[in-house]
Amino acid sequence: MSKRTEQVGELLRREVAAIFEKELPRNGTLTTIVDVRITPDLSIVRFYLSIMGNKDMAKAVMQHIEKENKHFRKELSMRIRNQFRRMPELEFYIDELPEKISRIEQLLREAKAGERHDDGNENAG
């Protein structure tokens, strides 16, 4: 990523986080912007979100974000109107990396436990 793209990404992260703080429903979830990725032509901005809470709450938050996407884009446009010639499209995704890491760690623990179990059988026989 270029320095300009990084700066734009950080600006967008701050502004969208402020919008979320004001606009998202208070239903017991904590929504954090984990990563921001911008296409080279600055036409699309992808926000990767971490939503703490149960799966139903996270799903409700994502549905609200998708429903209000145009409103968030308009709010963002008003906040940073002098920064862009054309306001980029906003896309939101749940960051699934922590879940994937958890699953990999679980598989590694199971594999390690299986090795210990196999070693014990070999020594007995």
C-alpha atoms as a PDB file:
ATOM      1  CA  MET A   1       0.000   0.000   0.000  1.00  0.00           C
ATOM      2  CA  SER A   2       1.255   3.462  -0.801  1.00  0.00           C
ATOM      3  CA  LYS A   3       1.728   6.095   1.868  1.00  0.00           C
ATOM      4  CA  ARG A   4      -1.260   8.041   0.501  1.00  0.00           C
ATOM      5  CA  THR A   5      -3.468   4.932   0.611  1.00  0.00           C
ATOM      6  CA  GLU A   6      -2.376   4.244   4.203  1.00  0.00           C
ATOM      7  CA  GLN A   7      -3.202   7.820   5.206  1.00  0.00           C
ATOM      8  CA  VAL A   8      -6.591   7.630   3.515  1.00  0.00           C
ATOM      9  CA  GLY A   9      -7.265   4.280   5.189  1.00  0.00           C
ATOM     10  CA  GLU A  10      -6.470   5.680   8.627  1.00  0.00           C
ATOM     11  CA  LEU A  11      -8.654   8.734   8.010  1.00  0.00           C
ATOM     12  CA  LEU A  12     -11.555   6.529   6.896  1.00  0.00           C
ATOM     13  CA  ARG A  13     -11.073   4.184   9.872  1.00  0.00           C
ATOM     14  CA  ARG A  14     -11.262   7.100  12.331  1.00  0.00           C
ATOM     15  CA  GLU A  15     -14.267   8.708  10.704  1.00  0.00           C
ATOM     16  CA  VAL A  16     -16.291   5.514  10.246  1.00  0.00           C
ATOM     17  CA  ALA A  17     -15.475   4.490  13.837  1.00  0.00           C
ATOM     18  CA  ALA A  18     -16.862   7.839  15.014  1.00  0.00           C
ATOM     19  CA  ILE A  19     -19.989   7.333  12.890  1.00  0.00           C
ATOM     20  CA  PHE A  20     -20.450   3.803  14.263  1.00  0.00           C
ATOM     21  CA  GLU A  21     -20.039   5.060  17.813  1.00  0.00           C
ATOM     22  CA  LYS A  22     -22.880   7.503  17.240  1.00  0.00           C
ATOM     23  CA  GLU A  23     -25.131   5.474  14.938  1.00  0.00           C
ATOM     24  CA  LEU A  24     -24.908   1.756  15.777  1.00  0.00           C
ATOM     25  CA  PRO A  25     -27.557   0.342  18.097  1.00  0.00           C
ATOM     26  CA  ARG A  26     -26.516  -0.282  21.695  1.00  0.00           C
ATOM     27  CA  ASN A  27     -27.457  -3.945  21.898  1.00  0.00           C
ATOM     28  CA  GLY A  28     -24.572  -5.263  23.988  1.00  0.00           C
ATOM     29  CA  THR A  29     -22.101  -5.711  21.144  1.00  0.00           C
ATOM     30  CA  LEU A  30     -18.761  -4.036  20.652  1.00  0.00           C
ATOM     31  CA  THR A  31     -17.932  -3.270  17.033  1.00  0.00           C
ATOM     32  CA  THR A  32     -14.324  -2.528  16.093  1.00  0.00           C
ATOM     33  CA  ILE A  33     -12.790  -1.781  12.709  1.00  0.00           C
ATOM     34  CA  VAL A  34      -9.917  -4.236  12.457  1.00  0.00           C
ATOM     35  CA  ASP A  35      -8.656  -3.473   8.971  1.00  0.00           C
ATOM     36  CA  VAL A  36      -9.330  -1.104   6.090  1.00  0.00           C
ATOM     37  CA  ARG A  37      -8.424  -2.033   2.528  1.00  0.00           C
ATOM     38  CA  ILE A  38      -8.733   0.374  -0.358  1.00  0.00           C
ATOM     39  CA  THR A  39      -8.641  -0.388  -4.049  1.00  0.00           C
ATOM     40  CA  PRO A  40      -5.754   1.367  -5.874  1.00  0.00           C
ATOM     41  CA  ASP A  41      -8.158   3.719  -7.656  1.00  0.00           C
ATOM     42  CA  LEU A  42      -9.799   4.641  -4.284  1.00  0.00           C
ATOM     43  CA  SER A  43     -13.222   3.624  -5.609  1.00  0.00           C
ATOM     44  CA  ILE A  44     -13.971   0.933  -3.009  1.00  0.00           C
ATOM     45  CA  VAL A  45     -13.142   0.820   0.674  1.00  0.00           C
ATOM     46  CA  ARG A  46     -13.488  -2.509   2.482  1.00  0.00           C
ATOM     47  CA  PHE A  47     -13.866  -2.423   6.251  1.00  0.00           C
ATOM     48  CA  TYR A  48     -13.183  -5.594   8.221  1.00  0.00           C
ATOM     49  CA  LEU A  49     -15.061  -5.584  11.508  1.00  0.00           C
ATOM     50  CA  SER A  50     -14.750  -7.460  14.755  1.00  0.00           C
ATOM     51  CA  ILE A  51     -18.096  -7.724  16.509  1.00  0.00           C
ATOM     52  CA  MET A  52     -17.941  -8.919  20.104  1.00  0.00           C
ATOM     53  CA  GLY A  53     -21.151 -10.531  21.300  1.00  0.00           C
ATOM     54  CA  ASN A  54     -23.102 -13.641  20.430  1.00  0.00           C
ATOM     55  CA  LYS A  55     -23.633 -14.660  16.809  1.00  0.00           C
ATOM     56  CA  ASP A  56     -27.231 -13.399  16.676  1.00  0.00           C
ATOM     57  CA  MET A  57     -26.166  -9.967  17.924  1.00  0.00           C
ATOM     58  CA  ALA A  58     -23.292  -9.844  15.425  1.00  0.00           C
ATOM     59  CA  LYS A  59     -25.669 -10.814  12.630  1.00  0.00           C
ATOM     60  CA  ALA A  60     -28.107  -8.073  13.680  1.00  0.00           C
ATOM     61  CA  VAL A  61     -25.306  -5.482  13.704  1.00  0.00           C
ATOM     62  CA  MET A  62     -24.142  -6.514  10.218  1.00  0.00           C
ATOM     63  CA  GLN A  63     -27.722  -6.368   8.909  1.00  0.00           C
ATOM     64  CA  HIS A  64     -28.076  -2.869  10.370  1.00  0.00           C
ATOM     65  CA  ILE A  65     -24.772  -1.782   8.799  1.00  0.00           C
ATOM     66  CA  GLU A  66     -25.798  -3.142   5.397  1.00  0.00           C
ATOM     67  CA  LYS A  67     -29.214  -1.496   5.649  1.00  0.00           C
ATOM     68  CA  GLU A  68     -27.711   1.856   6.633  1.00  0.00           C
ATOM     69  CA  ASN A  69     -24.733   1.699   4.248  1.00  0.00           C
ATOM     70  CA  LYS A  70     -25.941   4.650   2.138  1.00  0.00           C
ATOM     71  CA  HIS A  71     -26.578   6.698   5.269  1.00  0.00           C
ATOM     72  CA  PHE A  72     -23.076   5.935   6.588  1.00  0.00           C
ATOM     73  CA  ARG A  73     -21.599   6.860   3.210  1.00  0.00           C
ATOM     74  CA  LYS A  74     -23.482  10.175   3.264  1.00  0.00           C
ATOM     75  CA  GLU A  75     -22.313  10.887   6.838  1.00  0.00           C
ATOM     76  CA  LEU A  76     -18.758  10.059   5.853  1.00  0.00           C
ATOM     77  CA  SER A  77     -19.029  12.265   2.788  1.00  0.00           C
ATOM     78  CA  MET A  78     -20.081  15.228   4.927  1.00  0.00           C
ATOM     79  CA  ARG A  79     -17.155  14.654   7.287  1.00  0.00           C
ATOM     80  CA  ILE A  80     -14.444  14.338   4.629  1.00  0.00           C
ATOM     81  CA  ARG A  81     -15.943  16.130   1.651  1.00  0.00           C
ATOM     82  CA  ASN A  82     -12.719  18.001   0.811  1.00  0.00           C
ATOM     83  CA  GLN A  83     -10.565  14.862   0.774  1.00  0.00           C
ATOM     84  CA  PHE A  84     -12.072  13.005  -2.204  1.00  0.00           C
ATOM     85  CA  ARG A  85     -13.107  13.944  -5.685  1.00  0.00           C
ATOM     86  CA  ARG A  86     -15.608  11.078  -5.627  1.00  0.00           C
ATOM     87  CA  MET A  87     -16.765   9.316  -2.476  1.00  0.00           C
ATOM     88  CA  PRO A  88     -15.753   5.637  -2.536  1.00  0.00           C
ATOM     89  CA  GLU A  89     -18.220   2.792  -2.164  1.00  0.00           C
ATOM     90  CA  LEU A  90     -18.203   1.254   1.323  1.00  0.00           C
ATOM     91  CA  GLU A  91     -18.168  -2.496   1.884  1.00  0.00           C
ATOM     92  CA  PHE A  92     -18.304  -4.156   5.300  1.00  0.00           C
ATOM     93  CA  TYR A  93     -17.165  -7.655   6.228  1.00  0.00           C
ATOM     94  CA  ILE A  94     -16.815  -9.553   9.476  1.00  0.00           C
ATOM     95  CA  ASP A  95     -13.151 -10.267  10.157  1.00  0.00           C
ATOM     96  CA  GLU A  96     -13.032 -14.046  10.525  1.00  0.00           C
ATOM     97  CA  LEU A  97      -9.309 -14.254  11.241  1.00  0.00           C
ATOM     98  CA  PRO A  98      -9.669 -14.753  15.028  1.00  0.00           C
ATOM     99  CA  GLU A  99     -12.074 -17.660  14.453  1.00  0.00           C
ATOM    100  CA  LYS A 100      -9.698 -19.219  11.921  1.00  0.00           C
ATOM    101  CA  ILE A 101      -6.761 -18.831  14.333  1.00  0.00           C
ATOM    102  CA  SER A 102      -8.804 -20.443  17.106  1.00  0.00           C
ATOM    103  CA  ARG A 103      -9.685 -23.375  14.863  1.00  0.00           C
ATOM    104  CA  ILE A 104      -6.056 -23.879  13.801  1.00  0.00           C
ATOM    105  CA  GLU A 105      -4.902 -23.759  17.431  1.00  0.00           C
ATOM    106  CA  GLN A 106      -7.575 -26.309  18.362  1.00  0.00           C
ATOM    107  CA  LEU A 107      -6.461 -28.634  15.548  1.00  0.00           C
ATOM    108  CA  LEU A 108      -2.820 -28.286  16.614  1.00  0.00           C
ATOM    109  CA  ARG A 109      -3.708 -29.108  20.239  1.00  0.00           C
ATOM    110  CA  GLU A 110      -5.678 -32.153  19.072  1.00  0.00           C
ATOM    111  CA  ALA A 111      -2.802 -33.287  16.844  1.00  0.00           C
ATOM    112  CA  LYS A 112      -0.309 -32.849  19.694  1.00  0.00           C
ATOM    113  CA  ALA A 113      -2.588 -34.777  22.080  1.00  0.00           C
ATOM    114  CA  GLY A 114      -2.922 -37.519  19.449  1.00  0.00           C
ATOM    115  CA  GLU A 115       0.888 -37.739  19.109  1.00  0.00           C
ATOM    116  CA  ARG A 116       1.287 -38.097  22.870  1.00  0.00           C
ATOM    117  CA  HIS A 117      -1.370 -40.790  22.902  1.00  0.00           C
ATOM    118  CA  ASP A 118       0.370 -42.648  20.038  1.00  0.00           C
ATOM    119  CA  ASP A 119       3.767 -42.358  21.768  1.00  0.00           C
ATOM    120  CA  GLY A 120       2.304 -43.883  24.897  1.00  0.00           C
ATOM    121  CA  ASN A 121       0.967 -46.862  22.927  1.00  0.00           C
ATOM    122  CA  GLU A 122       4.320 -47.451  21.204  1.00  0.00           C
ATOM    123  CA  ASN A 123       6.216 -47.512  24.524  1.00  0.00           C
ATOM    124  CA  ALA A 124       3.718 -49.972  26.012  1.00  0.00           C
ATOM    125  CA  GLY A 125       4.021 -52.400  23.087  1.00  0.00           C
END
